[in-house]
């Protein structure tokens, strides 16, 4: 590693990131020790609440996407076998939707992007 002149992250930022990661990943400890640290650093409850809301939103979006992916695979494997047809090389080209957002906002309108 090379030396850097960049100062280390403030411990409150590290605690916020750790809190969000714990919540979003469904960690059994849920990031409660980070909440104690953040309170000790004087971080406003509203900021902690925002981190919690955004992390839960991301976690819930990921779960919904996984459920949809599972449901599609399950439906596919439960369908009867179809006759083999020559594959269309253009059938699996992704099409980008215009105007789509990278994520949806939380219930109170906070962006996770």
PDB file of N, CA and C in Angstrom:
ATOM      1  N   UNK A   1       0.831  -1.186   0.000  1.00  0.00           N
ATOM      2  CA  UNK A   1       0.000   0.000   0.000  1.00  0.00           C
ATOM      3  C   UNK A   1       0.874   1.247   0.000  1.00  0.00           C
ATOM      4  N   UNK A   2       0.422   2.249  -0.680  1.00  0.00           N
ATOM      5  CA  UNK A   2       1.181   3.497  -0.711  1.00  0.00           C
ATOM      6  C   UNK A   2       0.635   4.440   0.350  1.00  0.00           C
ATOM      7  N   UNK A   3       1.508   5.342   0.811  1.00  0.00           N
ATOM      8  CA  UNK A   3       1.100   6.333   1.789  1.00  0.00           C
ATOM      9  C   UNK A   3       0.157   7.332   1.138  1.00  0.00           C
ATOM     10  N   UNK A   4      -0.802   7.782   1.912  1.00  0.00           N
ATOM     11  CA  UNK A   4      -1.772   8.735   1.402  1.00  0.00           C
ATOM     12  C   UNK A   4      -1.842   9.928   2.334  1.00  0.00           C
ATOM     13  N   UNK A   5      -2.118  11.080   1.743  1.00  0.00           N
ATOM     14  CA  UNK A   5      -2.299  12.285   2.541  1.00  0.00           C
ATOM     15  C   UNK A   5      -3.754  12.473   2.954  1.00  0.00           C
ATOM     16  N   UNK A   6      -4.598  11.545   2.554  1.00  0.00           N
ATOM     17  CA  UNK A   6      -6.010  11.630   2.890  1.00  0.00           C
ATOM     18  C   UNK A   6      -6.199  11.273   4.358  1.00  0.00           C
ATOM     19  N   UNK A   7      -6.857  12.141   5.114  1.00  0.00           N
ATOM     20  CA  UNK A   7      -7.078  11.813   6.523  1.00  0.00           C
ATOM     21  C   UNK A   7      -8.052  10.641   6.647  1.00  0.00           C
ATOM     22  N   UNK A   8      -7.978   9.889   7.744  1.00  0.00           N
ATOM     23  CA  UNK A   8      -8.907   8.767   7.916  1.00  0.00           C
ATOM     24  C   UNK A   8     -10.339   9.273   8.075  1.00  0.00           C
ATOM     25  N   UNK A   9     -11.287   8.404   7.786  1.00  0.00           N
ATOM     26  CA  UNK A   9     -12.691   8.767   7.976  1.00  0.00           C
ATOM     27  C   UNK A   9     -12.965   9.033   9.445  1.00  0.00           C
ATOM     28  N   UNK A  10     -13.835   9.989   9.698  1.00  0.00           N
ATOM     29  CA  UNK A  10     -14.233  10.267  11.074  1.00  0.00           C
ATOM     30  C   UNK A  10     -14.943   9.028  11.618  1.00  0.00           C
ATOM     31  N   UNK A  11     -14.718   8.682  12.881  1.00  0.00           N
ATOM     32  CA  UNK A  11     -15.355   7.490  13.457  1.00  0.00           C
ATOM     33  C   UNK A  11     -16.877   7.485  13.338  1.00  0.00           C
ATOM     34  N   UNK A  12     -17.504   8.646  13.310  1.00  0.00           N
ATOM     35  CA  UNK A  12     -18.966   8.684  13.181  1.00  0.00           C
ATOM     36  C   UNK A  12     -19.391   8.220  11.788  1.00  0.00           C
ATOM     37  N   UNK A  13     -18.603   8.522  10.767  1.00  0.00           N
ATOM     38  CA  UNK A  13     -18.916   8.059   9.411  1.00  0.00           C
ATOM     39  C   UNK A  13     -18.760   6.552   9.341  1.00  0.00           C
ATOM     40  N   UNK A  14     -17.681   6.041   9.930  1.00  0.00           N
ATOM     41  CA  UNK A  14     -17.457   4.586   9.948  1.00  0.00           C
ATOM     42  C   UNK A  14     -18.618   3.897  10.670  1.00  0.00           C
ATOM     43  N   UNK A  15     -19.066   4.463  11.783  1.00  0.00           N
ATOM     44  CA  UNK A  15     -20.174   3.867  12.537  1.00  0.00           C
ATOM     45  C   UNK A  15     -21.471   3.899  11.737  1.00  0.00           C
ATOM     46  N   UNK A  16     -21.715   4.989  10.977  1.00  0.00           N
ATOM     47  CA  UNK A  16     -22.922   5.056  10.146  1.00  0.00           C
ATOM     48  C   UNK A  16     -22.893   4.001   9.038  1.00  0.00           C
ATOM     49  N   UNK A  17     -21.738   3.861   8.398  1.00  0.00           N
ATOM     50  CA  UNK A  17     -21.600   2.860   7.344  1.00  0.00           C
ATOM     51  C   UNK A  17     -21.804   1.462   7.919  1.00  0.00           C
ATOM     52  N   UNK A  18     -21.184   1.194   9.077  1.00  0.00           N
ATOM     53  CA  UNK A  18     -21.319  -0.113   9.713  1.00  0.00           C
ATOM     54  C   UNK A  18     -22.774  -0.379  10.119  1.00  0.00           C
ATOM     55  N   UNK A  19     -23.453   0.631  10.648  1.00  0.00           N
ATOM     56  CA  UNK A  19     -24.861   0.486  11.019  1.00  0.00           C
ATOM     57  C   UNK A  19     -25.691   0.114   9.797  1.00  0.00           C
ATOM     58  N   UNK A  20     -25.507   0.859   8.709  1.00  0.00           N
ATOM     59  CA  UNK A  20     -26.266   0.587   7.480  1.00  0.00           C
ATOM     60  C   UNK A  20     -25.974  -0.817   6.954  1.00  0.00           C
ATOM     61  N   UNK A  21     -24.705  -1.207   6.965  1.00  0.00           N
ATOM     62  CA  UNK A  21     -24.334  -2.536   6.466  1.00  0.00           C
ATOM     63  C   UNK A  21     -24.938  -3.636   7.330  1.00  0.00           C
ATOM     64  N   UNK A  22     -24.911  -3.457   8.640  1.00  0.00           N
ATOM     65  CA  UNK A  22     -25.499  -4.451   9.540  1.00  0.00           C
ATOM     66  C   UNK A  22     -26.991  -4.618   9.294  1.00  0.00           C
ATOM     67  N   UNK A  23     -27.687  -3.527   9.124  1.00  0.00           N
ATOM     68  CA  UNK A  23     -29.131  -3.587   8.896  1.00  0.00           C
ATOM     69  C   UNK A  23     -29.435  -4.182   7.528  1.00  0.00           C
ATOM     70  N   UNK A  24     -28.766  -3.682   6.496  1.00  0.00           N
ATOM     71  CA  UNK A  24     -29.041  -4.145   5.131  1.00  0.00           C
ATOM     72  C   UNK A  24     -28.714  -5.625   4.955  1.00  0.00           C
ATOM     73  N   UNK A  25     -27.749  -6.125   5.715  1.00  0.00           N
ATOM     74  CA  UNK A  25     -27.349  -7.528   5.563  1.00  0.00           C
ATOM     75  C   UNK A  25     -28.070  -8.459   6.537  1.00  0.00           C
ATOM     76  N   UNK A  26     -28.996  -7.930   7.326  1.00  0.00           N
ATOM     77  CA  UNK A  26     -29.702  -8.721   8.338  1.00  0.00           C
ATOM     78  C   UNK A  26     -28.747  -9.355   9.346  1.00  0.00           C
ATOM     79  N   UNK A  27     -27.703  -8.639   9.705  1.00  0.00           N
ATOM     80  CA  UNK A  27     -26.737  -9.147  10.678  1.00  0.00           C
ATOM     81  C   UNK A  27     -27.449  -9.358  12.016  1.00  0.00           C
ATOM     82  N   UNK A  28     -27.167 -10.476  12.695  1.00  0.00           N
ATOM     83  CA  UNK A  28     -27.868 -10.758  13.958  1.00  0.00           C
ATOM     84  C   UNK A  28     -27.698  -9.675  15.030  1.00  0.00           C
ATOM     85  N   UNK A  29     -26.574  -8.968  15.032  1.00  0.00           N
ATOM     86  CA  UNK A  29     -26.373  -7.929  16.045  1.00  0.00           C
ATOM     87  C   UNK A  29     -27.061  -6.620  15.680  1.00  0.00           C
ATOM     88  N   UNK A  30     -27.534  -6.485  14.450  1.00  0.00           N
ATOM     89  CA  UNK A  30     -28.345  -5.363  13.971  1.00  0.00           C
ATOM     90  C   UNK A  30     -27.695  -3.988  14.072  1.00  0.00           C
ATOM     91  N   UNK A  31     -26.437  -3.901  14.391  1.00  0.00           N
ATOM     92  CA  UNK A  31     -25.767  -2.610  14.446  1.00  0.00           C
ATOM     93  C   UNK A  31     -26.057  -1.791  15.678  1.00  0.00           C
ATOM     94  N   UNK A  32     -26.565  -2.426  16.717  1.00  0.00           N
ATOM     95  CA  UNK A  32     -26.913  -1.667  17.928  1.00  0.00           C
ATOM     96  C   UNK A  32     -25.690  -1.050  18.600  1.00  0.00           C
ATOM     97  N   UNK A  33     -24.534  -1.697  18.508  1.00  0.00           N
ATOM     98  CA  UNK A  33     -23.341  -1.073  19.114  1.00  0.00           C
ATOM     99  C   UNK A  33     -22.957   0.193  18.352  1.00  0.00           C
ATOM    100  N   UNK A  34     -23.211   0.227  17.036  1.00  0.00           N
ATOM    101  CA  UNK A  34     -22.943   1.445  16.278  1.00  0.00           C
ATOM    102  C   UNK A  34     -23.879   2.571  16.686  1.00  0.00           C
ATOM    103  N   UNK A  35     -25.118   2.229  17.033  1.00  0.00           N
ATOM    104  CA  UNK A  35     -26.060   3.252  17.498  1.00  0.00           C
ATOM    105  C   UNK A  35     -25.515   3.893  18.770  1.00  0.00           C
ATOM    106  N   UNK A  36     -25.002   3.064  19.683  1.00  0.00           N
ATOM    107  CA  UNK A  36     -24.416   3.613  20.910  1.00  0.00           C
ATOM    108  C   UNK A  36     -23.238   4.526  20.592  1.00  0.00           C
ATOM    109  N   UNK A  37     -22.391   4.113  19.671  1.00  0.00           N
ATOM    110  CA  UNK A  37     -21.246   4.951  19.291  1.00  0.00           C
ATOM    111  C   UNK A  37     -21.709   6.271  18.687  1.00  0.00           C
ATOM    112  N   UNK A  38     -22.686   6.185  17.781  1.00  0.00           N
ATOM    113  CA  UNK A  38     -23.184   7.408  17.134  1.00  0.00           C
ATOM    114  C   UNK A  38     -23.765   8.379  18.162  1.00  0.00           C
ATOM    115  N   UNK A  39     -24.513   7.857  19.119  1.00  0.00           N
ATOM    116  CA  UNK A  39     -25.046   8.720  20.186  1.00  0.00           C
ATOM    117  C   UNK A  39     -23.893   9.356  20.955  1.00  0.00           C
ATOM    118  N   UNK A  40     -22.844   8.567  21.221  1.00  0.00           N
ATOM    119  CA  UNK A  40     -21.678   9.087  21.930  1.00  0.00           C
ATOM    120  C   UNK A  40     -20.942  10.168  21.160  1.00  0.00           C
ATOM    121  N   UNK A  41     -20.972  10.091  19.828  1.00  0.00           N
ATOM    122  CA  UNK A  41     -20.328  11.107  18.991  1.00  0.00           C
ATOM    123  C   UNK A  41     -21.212  12.344  18.821  1.00  0.00           C
ATOM    124  N   UNK A  42     -22.434  12.294  19.348  1.00  0.00           N
ATOM    125  CA  UNK A  42     -23.337  13.438  19.243  1.00  0.00           C
ATOM    126  C   UNK A  42     -24.080  13.522  17.922  1.00  0.00           C
ATOM    127  N   UNK A  43     -24.177  12.413  17.199  1.00  0.00           N
ATOM    128  CA  UNK A  43     -24.905  12.406  15.926  1.00  0.00           C
ATOM    129  C   UNK A  43     -26.399  12.535  16.231  1.00  0.00           C
ATOM    130  N   UNK A  44     -27.063  13.407  15.505  1.00  0.00           N
ATOM    131  CA  UNK A  44     -28.486  13.664  15.720  1.00  0.00           C
ATOM    132  C   UNK A  44     -29.320  12.411  15.448  1.00  0.00           C
ATOM    133  N   UNK A  45     -30.339  12.218  16.268  1.00  0.00           N
ATOM    134  CA  UNK A  45     -31.230  11.068  16.096  1.00  0.00           C
ATOM    135  C   UNK A  45     -31.817  11.039  14.689  1.00  0.00           C
ATOM    136  N   UNK A  46     -32.140  12.203  14.129  1.00  0.00           N
ATOM    137  CA  UNK A  46     -32.726  12.259  12.790  1.00  0.00           C
ATOM    138  C   UNK A  46     -31.766  11.661  11.748  1.00  0.00           C
ATOM    139  N   UNK A  47     -30.465  11.899  11.925  1.00  0.00           N
ATOM    140  CA  UNK A  47     -29.487  11.329  10.995  1.00  0.00           C
ATOM    141  C   UNK A  47     -29.405   9.814  11.155  1.00  0.00           C
ATOM    142  N   UNK A  48     -29.420   9.353  12.395  1.00  0.00           N
ATOM    143  CA  UNK A  48     -29.406   7.906  12.636  1.00  0.00           C
ATOM    144  C   UNK A  48     -30.667   7.276  12.064  1.00  0.00           C
ATOM    145  N   UNK A  49     -31.818   7.920  12.275  1.00  0.00           N
ATOM    146  CA  UNK A  49     -33.086   7.418  11.735  1.00  0.00           C
ATOM    147  C   UNK A  49     -33.037   7.325  10.208  1.00  0.00           C
ATOM    148  N   UNK A  50     -32.413   8.310   9.554  1.00  0.00           N
ATOM    149  CA  UNK A  50     -32.289   8.287   8.090  1.00  0.00           C
ATOM    150  C   UNK A  50     -31.451   7.112   7.623  1.00  0.00           C
ATOM    151  N   UNK A  51     -30.333   6.867   8.310  1.00  0.00           N
ATOM    152  CA  UNK A  51     -29.472   5.732   7.956  1.00  0.00           C
ATOM    153  C   UNK A  51     -30.253   4.429   8.087  1.00  0.00           C
ATOM    154  N   UNK A  52     -30.994   4.287   9.179  1.00  0.00           N
ATOM    155  CA  UNK A  52     -31.782   3.072   9.409  1.00  0.00           C
ATOM    156  C   UNK A  52     -32.837   2.903   8.330  1.00  0.00           C
ATOM    157  N   UNK A  53     -33.532   3.979   8.000  1.00  0.00           N
ATOM    158  CA  UNK A  53     -34.591   3.902   6.982  1.00  0.00           C
ATOM    159  C   UNK A  53     -34.034   3.507   5.623  1.00  0.00           C
ATOM    160  N   UNK A  54     -32.943   4.129   5.228  1.00  0.00           N
ATOM    161  CA  UNK A  54     -32.347   3.831   3.923  1.00  0.00           C
ATOM    162  C   UNK A  54     -31.833   2.391   3.882  1.00  0.00           C
ATOM    163  N   UNK A  55     -31.170   1.950   4.951  1.00  0.00           N
ATOM    164  CA  UNK A  55     -30.644   0.578   4.985  1.00  0.00           C
ATOM    165  C   UNK A  55     -31.767  -0.446   4.915  1.00  0.00           C
ATOM    166  N   UNK A  56     -32.847  -0.208   5.635  1.00  0.00           N
ATOM    167  CA  UNK A  56     -33.989  -1.130   5.589  1.00  0.00           C
ATOM    168  C   UNK A  56     -34.620  -1.140   4.200  1.00  0.00           C
ATOM    169  N   UNK A  57     -34.691   0.017   3.587  1.00  0.00           N
ATOM    170  CA  UNK A  57     -35.268   0.107   2.240  1.00  0.00           C
ATOM    171  C   UNK A  57     -34.442  -0.699   1.247  1.00  0.00           C
ATOM    172  N   UNK A  58     -33.128  -0.548   1.311  1.00  0.00           N
ATOM    173  CA  UNK A  58     -32.250  -1.303   0.411  1.00  0.00           C
ATOM    174  C   UNK A  58     -32.389  -2.799   0.669  1.00  0.00           C
ATOM    175  N   UNK A  59     -32.415  -3.196   1.943  1.00  0.00           N
ATOM    176  CA  UNK A  59     -32.587  -4.608   2.307  1.00  0.00           C
ATOM    177  C   UNK A  59     -33.904  -5.145   1.749  1.00  0.00           C
ATOM    178  N   UNK A  60     -34.987  -4.383   1.905  1.00  0.00           N
ATOM    179  CA  UNK A  60     -36.291  -4.830   1.441  1.00  0.00           C
ATOM    180  C   UNK A  60     -36.358  -4.904  -0.080  1.00  0.00           C
ATOM    181  N   UNK A  61     -35.743  -3.936  -0.768  1.00  0.00           N
ATOM    182  CA  UNK A  61     -35.689  -3.988  -2.235  1.00  0.00           C
ATOM    183  C   UNK A  61     -34.938  -5.225  -2.709  1.00  0.00           C
ATOM    184  N   UNK A  62     -33.824  -5.535  -2.051  1.00  0.00           N
ATOM    185  CA  UNK A  62     -33.043  -6.716  -2.425  1.00  0.00           C
ATOM    186  C   UNK A  62     -33.865  -7.979  -2.218  1.00  0.00           C
ATOM    187  N   UNK A  63     -34.588  -8.059  -1.115  1.00  0.00           N
ATOM    188  CA  UNK A  63     -35.417  -9.241  -0.845  1.00  0.00           C
ATOM    189  C   UNK A  63     -36.514  -9.384  -1.890  1.00  0.00           C
ATOM    190  N   UNK A  64     -37.130  -8.277  -2.277  1.00  0.00           N
ATOM    191  CA  UNK A  64     -38.179  -8.330  -3.297  1.00  0.00           C
ATOM    192  C   UNK A  64     -37.615  -8.782  -4.639  1.00  0.00           C
ATOM    193  N   UNK A  65     -36.439  -8.287  -4.987  1.00  0.00           N
ATOM    194  CA  UNK A  65     -35.820  -8.684  -6.253  1.00  0.00           C
ATOM    195  C   UNK A  65     -35.472 -10.173  -6.238  1.00  0.00           C
ATOM    196  N   UNK A  66     -34.951 -10.657  -5.114  1.00  0.00           N
ATOM    197  CA  UNK A  66     -34.637 -12.087  -5.005  1.00  0.00           C
ATOM    198  C   UNK A  66     -35.903 -12.927  -5.077  1.00  0.00           C
ATOM    199  N   UNK A  67     -36.967 -12.475  -4.417  1.00  0.00           N
ATOM    200  CA  UNK A  67     -38.239 -13.203  -4.472  1.00  0.00           C
ATOM    201  C   UNK A  67     -38.774 -13.268  -5.896  1.00  0.00           C
ATOM    202  N   UNK A  68     -38.707 -12.154  -6.618  1.00  0.00           N
ATOM    203  CA  UNK A  68     -39.186 -12.134  -8.001  1.00  0.00           C
ATOM    204  C   UNK A  68     -38.356 -13.067  -8.880  1.00  0.00           C
ATOM    205  N   UNK A  69     -37.046 -13.061  -8.669  1.00  0.00           N
ATOM    206  CA  UNK A  69     -36.164 -13.942  -9.432  1.00  0.00           C
ATOM    207  C   UNK A  69     -36.477 -15.413  -9.124  1.00  0.00           C
ATOM    208  N   UNK A  70     -36.681 -15.722  -7.851  1.00  0.00           N
ATOM    209  CA  UNK A  70     -37.042 -17.086  -7.465  1.00  0.00           C
ATOM    210  C   UNK A  70     -38.378 -17.480  -8.083  1.00  0.00           C
ATOM    211  N   UNK A  71     -39.382 -16.596  -7.977  1.00  0.00           N
ATOM    212  CA  UNK A  71     -40.701 -16.896  -8.513  1.00  0.00           C
ATOM    213  C   UNK A  71     -40.645 -17.182 -10.012  1.00  0.00           C
ATOM    214  N   UNK A  72     -39.845 -16.407 -10.740  1.00  0.00           N
ATOM    215  CA  UNK A  72     -39.709 -16.634 -12.188  1.00  0.00           C
ATOM    216  C   UNK A  72     -39.051 -17.983 -12.461  1.00  0.00           C
ATOM    217  N   UNK A  73     -37.992 -18.308 -11.717  1.00  0.00           N
ATOM    218  CA  UNK A  73     -37.313 -19.600 -11.912  1.00  0.00           C
ATOM    219  C   UNK A  73     -38.225 -20.746 -11.521  1.00  0.00           C
ATOM    220  N   UNK A  74     -38.980 -20.570 -10.445  1.00  0.00           N
ATOM    221  CA  UNK A  74     -39.911 -21.608  -9.999  1.00  0.00           C
ATOM    222  C   UNK A  74     -40.998 -21.836 -11.051  1.00  0.00           C
ATOM    223  N   UNK A  75     -41.562 -20.755 -11.572  1.00  0.00           N
ATOM    224  CA  UNK A  75     -42.598 -20.882 -12.606  1.00  0.00           C
ATOM    225  C   UNK A  75     -42.040 -21.589 -13.839  1.00  0.00           C
ATOM    226  N   UNK A  76     -40.809 -21.266 -14.191  1.00  0.00           N
ATOM    227  CA  UNK A  76     -40.169 -21.877 -15.359  1.00  0.00           C
ATOM    228  C   UNK A  76     -39.989 -23.383 -15.158  1.00  0.00           C
ATOM    229  N   UNK A  77     -39.546 -23.785 -13.964  1.00  0.00           N
ATOM    230  CA  UNK A  77     -39.304 -25.217 -13.748  1.00  0.00           C
ATOM    231  C   UNK A  77     -40.599 -25.993 -13.565  1.00  0.00           C
ATOM    232  N   UNK A  78     -41.695 -25.307 -13.248  1.00  0.00           N
ATOM    233  CA  UNK A  78     -42.986 -25.996 -13.082  1.00  0.00           C
ATOM    234  C   UNK A  78     -43.761 -26.087 -14.388  1.00  0.00           C
ATOM    235  N   UNK A  79     -43.343 -25.351 -15.417  1.00  0.00           N
ATOM    236  CA  UNK A  79     -44.003 -25.434 -16.719  1.00  0.00           C
ATOM    237  C   UNK A  79     -43.609 -26.738 -17.397  1.00  0.00           C
ATOM    238  N   UNK A  80     -44.541 -27.320 -18.167  1.00  0.00           N
ATOM    239  CA  UNK A  80     -44.170 -28.537 -18.892  1.00  0.00           C
ATOM    240  C   UNK A  80     -43.087 -28.229 -19.935  1.00  0.00           C
ATOM    241  N   UNK A  81     -42.318 -29.256 -20.257  1.00  0.00           N
ATOM    242  CA  UNK A  81     -41.242 -29.085 -21.246  1.00  0.00           C
ATOM    243  C   UNK A  81     -41.827 -28.611 -22.573  1.00  0.00           C
ATOM    244  N   UNK A  82     -41.125 -27.704 -23.215  1.00  0.00           N
ATOM    245  CA  UNK A  82     -41.561 -27.172 -24.508  1.00  0.00           C
ATOM    246  C   UNK A  82     -40.737 -27.813 -25.615  1.00  0.00           C
ATOM    247  N   UNK A  83     -41.314 -27.884 -26.777  1.00  0.00           N
ATOM    248  CA  UNK A  83     -40.532 -28.443 -27.883  1.00  0.00           C
ATOM    249  C   UNK A  83     -39.318 -27.559 -28.179  1.00  0.00           C
ATOM    250  N   UNK A  84     -38.237 -28.196 -28.524  1.00  0.00           N
ATOM    251  CA  UNK A  84     -37.009 -27.449 -28.826  1.00  0.00           C
ATOM    252  C   UNK A  84     -37.170 -26.686 -30.133  1.00  0.00           C
ATOM    253  N   UNK A  85     -36.822 -25.417 -30.099  1.00  0.00           N
ATOM    254  CA  UNK A  85     -36.817 -24.587 -31.299  1.00  0.00           C
ATOM    255  C   UNK A  85     -35.440 -23.961 -31.424  1.00  0.00           C
ATOM    256  N   UNK A  86     -35.106 -23.645 -32.645  1.00  0.00           N
ATOM    257  CA  UNK A  86     -33.811 -23.036 -32.876  1.00  0.00           C
ATOM    258  C   UNK A  86     -33.755 -21.708 -32.112  1.00  0.00           C
ATOM    259  N   UNK A  87     -32.703 -21.507 -31.285  1.00  0.00           N
ATOM    260  CA  UNK A  87     -32.615 -20.265 -30.514  1.00  0.00           C
ATOM    261  C   UNK A  87     -32.411 -19.044 -31.401  1.00  0.00           C
ATOM    262  N   UNK A  88     -33.037 -17.965 -31.006  1.00  0.00           N
ATOM    263  CA  UNK A  88     -32.888 -16.681 -31.693  1.00  0.00           C
ATOM    264  C   UNK A  88     -31.725 -15.947 -31.042  1.00  0.00           C
ATOM    265  N   UNK A  89     -30.646 -15.654 -31.772  1.00  0.00           N
ATOM    266  CA  UNK A  89     -29.486 -15.001 -31.149  1.00  0.00           C
ATOM    267  C   UNK A  89     -29.794 -13.601 -30.617  1.00  0.00           C
ATOM    268  N   UNK A  90     -30.890 -12.992 -31.048  1.00  0.00           N
ATOM    269  CA  UNK A  90     -31.230 -11.645 -30.600  1.00  0.00           C
ATOM    270  C   UNK A  90     -32.263 -11.650 -29.469  1.00  0.00           C
ATOM    271  N   UNK A  91     -32.716 -12.810 -29.057  1.00  0.00           N
ATOM    272  CA  UNK A  91     -33.775 -12.898 -28.060  1.00  0.00           C
ATOM    273  C   UNK A  91     -33.333 -12.435 -26.680  1.00  0.00           C
ATOM    274  N   UNK A  92     -32.053 -12.541 -26.353  1.00  0.00           N
ATOM    275  CA  UNK A  92     -31.600 -12.203 -25.006  1.00  0.00           C
ATOM    276  C   UNK A  92     -30.816 -10.902 -24.934  1.00  0.00           C
ATOM    277  N   UNK A  93     -30.998 -10.018 -25.879  1.00  0.00           N
ATOM    278  CA  UNK A  93     -30.335  -8.721 -25.835  1.00  0.00           C
ATOM    279  C   UNK A  93     -31.130  -7.822 -24.887  1.00  0.00           C
ATOM    280  N   UNK A  94     -30.452  -7.283 -23.894  1.00  0.00           N
ATOM    281  CA  UNK A  94     -31.117  -6.426 -22.916  1.00  0.00           C
ATOM    282  C   UNK A  94     -31.542  -5.114 -23.566  1.00  0.00           C
ATOM    283  N   UNK A  95     -32.687  -4.627 -23.153  1.00  0.00           N
ATOM    284  CA  UNK A  95     -33.205  -3.360 -23.636  1.00  0.00           C
ATOM    285  C   UNK A  95     -33.319  -2.443 -22.436  1.00  0.00           C
ATOM    286  N   UNK A  96     -32.669  -1.289 -22.521  1.00  0.00           N
ATOM    287  CA  UNK A  96     -32.691  -0.328 -21.423  1.00  0.00           C
ATOM    288  C   UNK A  96     -33.965   0.502 -21.522  1.00  0.00           C
ATOM    289  N   UNK A  97     -34.650   0.596 -20.380  1.00  0.00           N
ATOM    290  CA  UNK A  97     -35.840   1.436 -20.333  1.00  0.00           C
ATOM    291  C   UNK A  97     -35.425   2.886 -20.195  1.00  0.00           C
ATOM    292  N   UNK A  98     -36.119   3.757 -20.850  1.00  0.00           N
ATOM    293  CA  UNK A  98     -35.811   5.181 -20.759  1.00  0.00           C
ATOM    294  C   UNK A  98     -36.423   5.763 -19.503  1.00  0.00           C
ATOM    295  N   UNK A  99     -35.675   6.640 -18.833  1.00  0.00           N
ATOM    296  CA  UNK A  99     -36.213   7.378 -17.708  1.00  0.00           C
ATOM    297  C   UNK A  99     -36.295   6.611 -16.408  1.00  0.00           C
ATOM    298  N   UNK A 100     -35.759   5.403 -16.331  1.00  0.00           N
ATOM    299  CA  UNK A 100     -35.836   4.623 -15.115  1.00  0.00           C
ATOM    300  C   UNK A 100     -34.819   5.090 -14.088  1.00  0.00           C
ATOM    301  N   UNK A 101     -35.166   4.954 -12.833  1.00  0.00           N
ATOM    302  CA  UNK A 101     -34.255   5.315 -11.757  1.00  0.00           C
ATOM    303  C   UNK A 101     -33.471   4.089 -11.317  1.00  0.00           C
ATOM    304  N   UNK A 102     -32.325   4.315 -10.683  1.00  0.00           N
ATOM    305  CA  UNK A 102     -31.519   3.194 -10.218  1.00  0.00           C
ATOM    306  C   UNK A 102     -32.149   2.539  -9.008  1.00  0.00           C
ATOM    307  N   UNK A 103     -32.998   3.238  -8.302  1.00  0.00           N
ATOM    308  CA  UNK A 103     -33.697   2.663  -7.159  1.00  0.00           C
ATOM    309  C   UNK A 103     -34.942   3.495  -6.892  1.00  0.00           C
ATOM    310  N   UNK A 104     -35.764   2.993  -6.012  1.00  0.00           N
ATOM    311  CA  UNK A 104     -36.957   3.738  -5.632  1.00  0.00           C
ATOM    312  C   UNK A 104     -36.686   4.448  -4.311  1.00  0.00           C
ATOM    313  N   UNK A 105     -37.375   5.538  -4.041  1.00  0.00           N
ATOM    314  CA  UNK A 105     -37.145   6.244  -2.778  1.00  0.00           C
ATOM    315  C   UNK A 105     -37.756   5.472  -1.616  1.00  0.00           C
ATOM    316  N   UNK A 106     -37.316   5.798  -0.404  1.00  0.00           N
ATOM    317  CA  UNK A 106     -37.887   5.195   0.792  1.00  0.00           C
ATOM    318  C   UNK A 106     -39.296   5.724   0.988  1.00  0.00           C
ATOM    319  N   UNK A 107     -39.990   5.209   1.990  1.00  0.00           N
ATOM    320  CA  UNK A 107     -41.376   5.629   2.242  1.00  0.00           C
ATOM    321  C   UNK A 107     -41.497   7.124   2.506  1.00  0.00           C
ATOM    322  N   UNK A 108     -40.470   7.740   3.086  1.00  0.00           N
ATOM    323  CA  UNK A 108     -40.532   9.177   3.344  1.00  0.00           C
ATOM    324  C   UNK A 108     -39.862   9.993   2.246  1.00  0.00           C
ATOM    325  N   UNK A 109     -39.481   9.338   1.141  1.00  0.00           N
ATOM    326  CA  UNK A 109     -38.924  10.059   0.004  1.00  0.00           C
ATOM    327  C   UNK A 109     -37.426  10.193  -0.032  1.00  0.00           C
ATOM    328  N   UNK A 110     -36.698   9.539   0.880  1.00  0.00           N
ATOM    329  CA  UNK A 110     -35.238   9.612   0.877  1.00  0.00           C
ATOM    330  C   UNK A 110     -34.692   8.765  -0.258  1.00  0.00           C
ATOM    331  N   UNK A 111     -33.689   9.269  -0.940  1.00  0.00           N
ATOM    332  CA  UNK A 111     -33.076   8.526  -2.028  1.00  0.00           C
ATOM    333  C   UNK A 111     -31.970   7.645  -1.488  1.00  0.00           C
ATOM    334  N   UNK A 112     -31.873   6.407  -2.020  1.00  0.00           N
ATOM    335  CA  UNK A 112     -30.781   5.517  -1.614  1.00  0.00           C
ATOM    336  C   UNK A 112     -29.720   5.469  -2.701  1.00  0.00           C
ATOM    337  N   UNK A 113     -29.839   6.312  -3.696  1.00  0.00           N
ATOM    338  CA  UNK A 113     -28.869   6.353  -4.787  1.00  0.00           C
ATOM    339  C   UNK A 113     -27.962   7.550  -4.637  1.00  0.00           C
TER     340      UNK A 113
END
